């Protein structure tokens, strides 16, 4: 009776792999790399994560806004009045703004953010 081999999966961060290979002055042959993973580690399936795809910024923005809206809607659905609207807006900004800055979705946001930080800290 044959012993069943454990399934091994590889999750590869393409950006780090690409930068590491280029820093050594090499060029990666993807087919040979895939064969190496299979022979050395028994990888049966490899997933390559490429990060943000250029041109999909509007999709990312929409998904972030939808997530912020849903969180705020379910947290504050039964609460009405001026102060609850203010709190809902603040929570939405806390969800949305850091994600926009972190993922660098808008090229305009970083200069605006730096200006805000500079003015709030009193440095000119």
N, C-alpha and C. Protein backbone atom coordinates (compact mmCIF):
# COMPACT_ATOMS: atom_id res chain seq x y z
N UNK A 1 0.83 -1.18 0.00
CA UNK A 1 0.00 0.00 0.00
C UNK A 1 0.88 1.25 0.00
N UNK A 2 0.59 2.14 -0.93
CA UNK A 2 1.38 3.37 -1.04
C UNK A 2 0.95 4.37 0.01
N UNK A 3 1.94 5.03 0.57
CA UNK A 3 1.65 6.09 1.53
C UNK A 3 1.26 7.34 0.76
N UNK A 4 0.15 7.94 1.12
CA UNK A 4 -0.33 9.13 0.43
C UNK A 4 0.53 10.33 0.79
N UNK A 5 1.02 11.04 -0.24
CA UNK A 5 1.88 12.20 -0.01
C UNK A 5 1.03 13.39 0.38
N UNK A 6 1.54 14.15 1.34
CA UNK A 6 0.85 15.36 1.79
C UNK A 6 0.87 16.41 0.70
N UNK A 7 -0.26 17.09 0.52
CA UNK A 7 -0.33 18.18 -0.47
C UNK A 7 0.42 19.40 0.08
N UNK A 8 1.29 19.96 -0.73
CA UNK A 8 2.05 21.15 -0.33
C UNK A 8 1.72 22.27 -1.29
N UNK A 9 1.39 23.43 -0.72
CA UNK A 9 1.05 24.60 -1.51
C UNK A 9 2.07 25.69 -1.21
N UNK A 10 2.41 26.48 -2.22
CA UNK A 10 3.34 27.60 -2.05
C UNK A 10 2.58 28.90 -2.28
N UNK A 11 2.75 29.85 -1.37
CA UNK A 11 2.18 31.18 -1.50
C UNK A 11 3.34 32.14 -1.66
N UNK A 12 3.45 32.72 -2.84
CA UNK A 12 4.64 33.49 -3.21
C UNK A 12 4.29 34.96 -3.34
N UNK A 13 5.06 35.80 -2.66
CA UNK A 13 4.92 37.26 -2.81
C UNK A 13 5.80 37.68 -3.98
N UNK A 14 5.16 38.00 -5.10
CA UNK A 14 5.90 38.27 -6.34
C UNK A 14 6.82 39.47 -6.22
N UNK A 15 6.40 40.50 -5.49
CA UNK A 15 7.22 41.71 -5.37
C UNK A 15 8.54 41.41 -4.66
N UNK A 16 8.47 40.70 -3.53
CA UNK A 16 9.70 40.37 -2.80
C UNK A 16 10.59 39.43 -3.61
N UNK A 17 9.99 38.45 -4.25
CA UNK A 17 10.77 37.53 -5.07
C UNK A 17 11.45 38.28 -6.21
N UNK A 18 10.71 39.13 -6.87
CA UNK A 18 11.25 39.90 -8.00
C UNK A 18 12.39 40.82 -7.55
N UNK A 19 12.20 41.54 -6.46
CA UNK A 19 13.25 42.44 -5.96
C UNK A 19 14.48 41.67 -5.51
N UNK A 20 14.28 40.52 -4.87
CA UNK A 20 15.41 39.71 -4.43
C UNK A 20 16.22 39.17 -5.59
N UNK A 21 15.53 38.70 -6.61
CA UNK A 21 16.22 38.16 -7.78
C UNK A 21 16.96 39.26 -8.53
N UNK A 22 16.30 40.42 -8.71
CA UNK A 22 16.94 41.53 -9.43
C UNK A 22 18.14 42.09 -8.66
N UNK A 23 18.06 42.08 -7.31
CA UNK A 23 19.18 42.61 -6.54
C UNK A 23 20.44 41.77 -6.71
N UNK A 24 20.28 40.50 -7.10
CA UNK A 24 21.41 39.62 -7.34
C UNK A 24 21.88 39.68 -8.79
N UNK A 25 21.16 40.47 -9.61
CA UNK A 25 21.52 40.59 -11.01
C UNK A 25 21.05 39.41 -11.86
N UNK A 26 20.08 38.66 -11.34
CA UNK A 26 19.58 37.49 -12.05
C UNK A 26 18.27 37.81 -12.75
N UNK A 27 17.88 36.88 -13.62
CA UNK A 27 16.55 36.92 -14.22
C UNK A 27 15.91 35.57 -13.93
N UNK A 28 14.70 35.58 -13.39
CA UNK A 28 14.04 34.35 -12.96
C UNK A 28 13.34 33.65 -14.13
N UNK A 29 13.64 32.38 -14.28
CA UNK A 29 12.93 31.54 -15.24
C UNK A 29 11.79 30.88 -14.45
N UNK A 30 10.57 31.30 -14.72
CA UNK A 30 9.41 30.88 -13.93
C UNK A 30 9.16 29.38 -14.04
N UNK A 31 9.37 28.80 -15.21
CA UNK A 31 9.15 27.37 -15.37
C UNK A 31 10.14 26.56 -14.55
N UNK A 32 11.41 26.96 -14.58
CA UNK A 32 12.42 26.26 -13.79
C UNK A 32 12.19 26.45 -12.29
N UNK A 33 11.76 27.66 -11.92
CA UNK A 33 11.45 27.93 -10.51
C UNK A 33 10.32 27.04 -10.02
N UNK A 34 9.29 26.90 -10.85
CA UNK A 34 8.14 26.06 -10.50
C UNK A 34 8.57 24.60 -10.38
N UNK A 35 9.42 24.16 -11.29
CA UNK A 35 9.92 22.78 -11.24
C UNK A 35 10.78 22.56 -10.00
N UNK A 36 11.59 23.56 -9.64
CA UNK A 36 12.41 23.49 -8.44
C UNK A 36 11.54 23.33 -7.20
N UNK A 37 10.48 24.13 -7.12
CA UNK A 37 9.57 24.03 -5.97
C UNK A 37 8.95 22.64 -5.88
N UNK A 38 8.60 22.10 -7.02
CA UNK A 38 7.98 20.76 -7.04
C UNK A 38 8.99 19.69 -6.62
N UNK A 39 10.20 19.73 -7.18
CA UNK A 39 11.21 18.71 -6.89
C UNK A 39 11.73 18.81 -5.47
N UNK A 40 12.02 20.01 -5.00
CA UNK A 40 12.64 20.19 -3.69
C UNK A 40 11.64 20.07 -2.54
N UNK A 41 10.44 20.67 -2.71
CA UNK A 41 9.49 20.75 -1.60
C UNK A 41 8.19 20.00 -1.85
N UNK A 42 8.02 19.41 -3.03
CA UNK A 42 6.80 18.68 -3.33
C UNK A 42 5.58 19.58 -3.51
N UNK A 43 5.81 20.80 -3.96
CA UNK A 43 4.72 21.76 -4.15
C UNK A 43 3.86 21.32 -5.33
N UNK A 44 2.56 21.13 -5.04
CA UNK A 44 1.66 20.73 -6.12
C UNK A 44 0.93 21.92 -6.73
N UNK A 45 0.82 23.00 -5.96
CA UNK A 45 0.15 24.19 -6.46
C UNK A 45 0.85 25.42 -5.86
N UNK A 46 1.16 26.39 -6.72
CA UNK A 46 1.82 27.62 -6.28
C UNK A 46 0.92 28.81 -6.59
N UNK A 47 0.70 29.65 -5.60
CA UNK A 47 -0.11 30.85 -5.77
C UNK A 47 0.81 32.06 -5.75
N UNK A 48 0.72 32.89 -6.76
CA UNK A 48 1.56 34.06 -6.90
C UNK A 48 0.73 35.30 -6.60
N UNK A 49 1.13 36.05 -5.58
CA UNK A 49 0.42 37.27 -5.21
C UNK A 49 1.17 38.46 -5.80
N UNK A 50 0.48 39.22 -6.62
CA UNK A 50 1.14 40.32 -7.33
C UNK A 50 0.83 41.68 -6.73
N UNK A 51 -0.05 41.75 -5.75
CA UNK A 51 -0.38 43.03 -5.13
C UNK A 51 -1.40 43.80 -5.96
N UNK A 52 -1.33 45.10 -5.86
CA UNK A 52 -2.28 45.94 -6.58
C UNK A 52 -1.98 45.93 -8.07
N UNK A 53 -3.01 45.81 -8.84
CA UNK A 53 -2.88 45.88 -10.28
C UNK A 53 -3.15 47.33 -10.70
N UNK A 54 -2.20 47.92 -11.41
CA UNK A 54 -2.36 49.31 -11.85
C UNK A 54 -3.61 49.42 -12.72
N UNK A 55 -4.37 50.46 -12.50
CA UNK A 55 -5.58 50.67 -13.26
C UNK A 55 -6.84 50.25 -12.51
N UNK A 56 -6.67 49.55 -11.40
CA UNK A 56 -7.81 49.11 -10.62
C UNK A 56 -8.06 50.00 -9.40
N UNK A 57 -7.49 51.19 -9.39
CA UNK A 57 -7.63 52.06 -8.23
C UNK A 57 -9.09 52.40 -7.94
N UNK A 58 -9.89 52.58 -9.00
CA UNK A 58 -11.29 52.91 -8.77
C UNK A 58 -12.03 51.73 -8.13
N UNK A 59 -11.66 50.51 -8.49
CA UNK A 59 -12.26 49.34 -7.86
C UNK A 59 -11.88 49.27 -6.39
N UNK A 60 -10.59 49.48 -6.07
CA UNK A 60 -10.14 49.46 -4.68
C UNK A 60 -10.84 50.55 -3.87
N UNK A 61 -10.98 51.73 -4.46
CA UNK A 61 -11.65 52.83 -3.78
C UNK A 61 -13.10 52.47 -3.50
N UNK A 62 -13.77 51.90 -4.48
CA UNK A 62 -15.17 51.50 -4.30
C UNK A 62 -15.30 50.45 -3.21
N UNK A 63 -14.43 49.44 -3.21
CA UNK A 63 -14.50 48.38 -2.21
C UNK A 63 -14.24 48.92 -0.81
N UNK A 64 -13.28 49.83 -0.68
CA UNK A 64 -13.02 50.45 0.63
C UNK A 64 -14.21 51.26 1.10
N UNK A 65 -14.78 52.05 0.20
CA UNK A 65 -15.94 52.87 0.57
C UNK A 65 -17.12 51.99 0.95
N UNK A 66 -17.34 50.91 0.20
CA UNK A 66 -18.44 49.99 0.52
C UNK A 66 -18.23 49.34 1.88
N UNK A 67 -16.99 48.93 2.17
CA UNK A 67 -16.71 48.33 3.48
C UNK A 67 -16.94 49.34 4.60
N UNK A 68 -16.46 50.57 4.42
CA UNK A 68 -16.68 51.61 5.43
C UNK A 68 -18.15 51.91 5.62
N UNK A 69 -18.88 51.99 4.53
CA UNK A 69 -20.32 52.25 4.62
C UNK A 69 -21.04 51.14 5.39
N UNK A 70 -20.73 49.88 5.04
CA UNK A 70 -21.41 48.76 5.70
C UNK A 70 -21.10 48.70 7.19
N UNK A 71 -19.84 48.93 7.55
CA UNK A 71 -19.47 48.95 8.97
C UNK A 71 -20.24 50.04 9.70
N UNK A 72 -20.25 51.24 9.14
CA UNK A 72 -20.95 52.35 9.78
C UNK A 72 -22.46 52.12 9.80
N UNK A 73 -22.99 51.56 8.75
CA UNK A 73 -24.43 51.31 8.70
C UNK A 73 -24.86 50.34 9.79
N UNK A 74 -24.11 49.24 9.95
CA UNK A 74 -24.50 48.24 10.94
C UNK A 74 -24.19 48.68 12.37
N UNK A 75 -23.15 49.48 12.56
CA UNK A 75 -22.84 49.96 13.91
C UNK A 75 -23.85 51.01 14.39
N UNK A 76 -24.29 51.87 13.49
CA UNK A 76 -25.10 53.01 13.88
C UNK A 76 -26.48 53.02 13.23
N UNK A 77 -27.00 51.86 12.86
CA UNK A 77 -28.26 51.83 12.09
C UNK A 77 -29.46 52.34 12.89
N UNK A 78 -29.50 52.14 14.18
CA UNK A 78 -30.66 52.57 14.96
C UNK A 78 -30.47 53.91 15.65
N UNK A 79 -29.38 54.57 15.39
CA UNK A 79 -29.06 55.81 16.10
C UNK A 79 -29.22 57.01 15.17
N UNK A 80 -29.95 58.01 15.63
CA UNK A 80 -30.22 59.18 14.81
C UNK A 80 -29.86 60.44 15.58
N UNK A 81 -29.71 61.52 14.87
CA UNK A 81 -29.39 62.79 15.49
C UNK A 81 -28.04 63.30 15.00
N UNK A 82 -27.80 64.56 15.29
CA UNK A 82 -26.61 65.24 14.80
C UNK A 82 -25.32 64.57 15.28
N UNK A 83 -25.22 64.26 16.57
CA UNK A 83 -23.98 63.72 17.11
C UNK A 83 -23.72 62.30 16.61
N UNK A 84 -24.75 61.54 16.34
CA UNK A 84 -24.56 60.20 15.79
C UNK A 84 -24.08 60.28 14.34
N UNK A 85 -24.57 61.28 13.61
CA UNK A 85 -24.08 61.48 12.23
C UNK A 85 -22.61 61.86 12.26
N UNK A 86 -22.24 62.72 13.19
CA UNK A 86 -20.82 63.10 13.34
C UNK A 86 -19.97 61.89 13.68
N UNK A 87 -20.42 61.07 14.62
CA UNK A 87 -19.67 59.89 15.02
C UNK A 87 -19.55 58.90 13.87
N UNK A 88 -20.64 58.72 13.12
CA UNK A 88 -20.64 57.83 11.97
C UNK A 88 -19.62 58.32 10.93
N UNK A 89 -19.57 59.62 10.71
CA UNK A 89 -18.63 60.19 9.75
C UNK A 89 -17.18 59.99 10.21
N UNK A 90 -16.94 60.17 11.49
CA UNK A 90 -15.58 59.99 12.02
C UNK A 90 -15.14 58.53 11.88
N UNK A 91 -16.03 57.60 12.18
CA UNK A 91 -15.69 56.17 12.05
C UNK A 91 -15.39 55.84 10.59
N UNK A 92 -16.20 56.37 9.67
CA UNK A 92 -15.96 56.13 8.25
C UNK A 92 -14.58 56.66 7.84
N UNK A 93 -14.24 57.86 8.29
CA UNK A 93 -12.94 58.45 7.96
C UNK A 93 -11.80 57.62 8.55
N UNK A 94 -12.00 57.10 9.76
CA UNK A 94 -10.98 56.27 10.40
C UNK A 94 -10.75 54.98 9.61
N UNK A 95 -11.79 54.47 8.98
CA UNK A 95 -11.65 53.26 8.16
C UNK A 95 -11.06 53.60 6.79
N UNK A 96 -11.58 54.63 6.16
CA UNK A 96 -11.29 54.93 4.76
C UNK A 96 -9.93 55.60 4.54
N UNK A 97 -9.64 56.64 5.29
CA UNK A 97 -8.44 57.44 5.06
C UNK A 97 -7.13 56.66 5.22
N UNK A 98 -6.94 55.92 6.31
CA UNK A 98 -5.68 55.17 6.41
C UNK A 98 -5.50 54.16 5.29
N UNK A 99 -6.59 53.55 4.84
CA UNK A 99 -6.48 52.58 3.76
C UNK A 99 -6.09 53.27 2.46
N UNK A 100 -6.65 54.43 2.18
CA UNK A 100 -6.30 55.18 0.97
C UNK A 100 -4.82 55.58 1.02
N UNK A 101 -4.35 56.00 2.18
CA UNK A 101 -2.94 56.40 2.33
C UNK A 101 -2.03 55.18 2.23
N UNK A 102 -2.36 54.10 2.93
CA UNK A 102 -1.53 52.91 2.96
C UNK A 102 -1.39 52.28 1.57
N UNK A 103 -2.50 52.14 0.86
CA UNK A 103 -2.47 51.51 -0.45
C UNK A 103 -2.10 52.48 -1.58
N UNK A 104 -1.91 53.75 -1.24
CA UNK A 104 -1.51 54.78 -2.21
C UNK A 104 -2.43 54.76 -3.44
N UNK A 105 -3.72 54.77 -3.17
CA UNK A 105 -4.71 54.70 -4.24
C UNK A 105 -4.77 56.00 -5.02
N UNK A 106 -4.66 57.12 -4.34
CA UNK A 106 -4.72 58.41 -5.01
C UNK A 106 -3.36 59.09 -4.92
N UNK A 107 -2.80 59.52 -6.03
CA UNK A 107 -1.49 60.19 -5.96
C UNK A 107 -1.58 61.56 -5.27
N UNK A 108 -2.79 62.11 -5.16
CA UNK A 108 -2.96 63.42 -4.56
C UNK A 108 -3.03 63.37 -3.03
N UNK A 109 -3.28 62.21 -2.46
CA UNK A 109 -3.56 62.15 -1.03
C UNK A 109 -2.31 62.36 -0.17
N UNK A 110 -1.15 61.87 -0.60
CA UNK A 110 0.06 62.00 0.23
C UNK A 110 0.49 63.46 0.42
N UNK A 111 0.52 64.31 -0.61
CA UNK A 111 0.85 65.71 -0.37
C UNK A 111 -0.16 66.40 0.55
N UNK A 112 -1.43 66.08 0.38
CA UNK A 112 -2.45 66.67 1.25
C UNK A 112 -2.26 66.19 2.68
N UNK A 113 -1.99 64.91 2.86
CA UNK A 113 -1.77 64.35 4.19
C UNK A 113 -0.55 64.99 4.86
N UNK A 114 0.54 65.14 4.12
CA UNK A 114 1.75 65.75 4.70
C UNK A 114 1.49 67.21 5.09
N UNK A 115 0.73 67.93 4.26
CA UNK A 115 0.39 69.32 4.59
C UNK A 115 -0.45 69.39 5.85
N UNK A 116 -1.42 68.49 5.98
CA UNK A 116 -2.25 68.47 7.18
C UNK A 116 -1.43 68.19 8.43
N UNK A 117 -0.53 67.21 8.35
CA UNK A 117 0.32 66.86 9.50
C UNK A 117 1.21 68.05 9.85
N UNK A 118 1.77 68.70 8.84
CA UNK A 118 2.65 69.85 9.08
C UNK A 118 1.90 70.98 9.76
N UNK A 119 0.69 71.26 9.31
CA UNK A 119 -0.10 72.36 9.90
C UNK A 119 -0.57 72.01 11.31
N UNK A 120 -0.96 70.77 11.52
CA UNK A 120 -1.42 70.38 12.85
C UNK A 120 -0.30 70.34 13.87
N UNK A 121 0.92 70.03 13.41
CA UNK A 121 2.04 69.97 14.34
C UNK A 121 2.65 71.36 14.59
N UNK A 122 2.25 72.35 13.80
CA UNK A 122 2.74 73.71 14.02
C UNK A 122 4.02 74.03 13.29
N UNK A 123 4.58 73.08 12.55
CA UNK A 123 5.82 73.31 11.80
C UNK A 123 5.46 73.95 10.46
N UNK A 124 6.28 74.89 10.06
CA UNK A 124 6.03 75.56 8.77
C UNK A 124 7.28 75.57 7.95
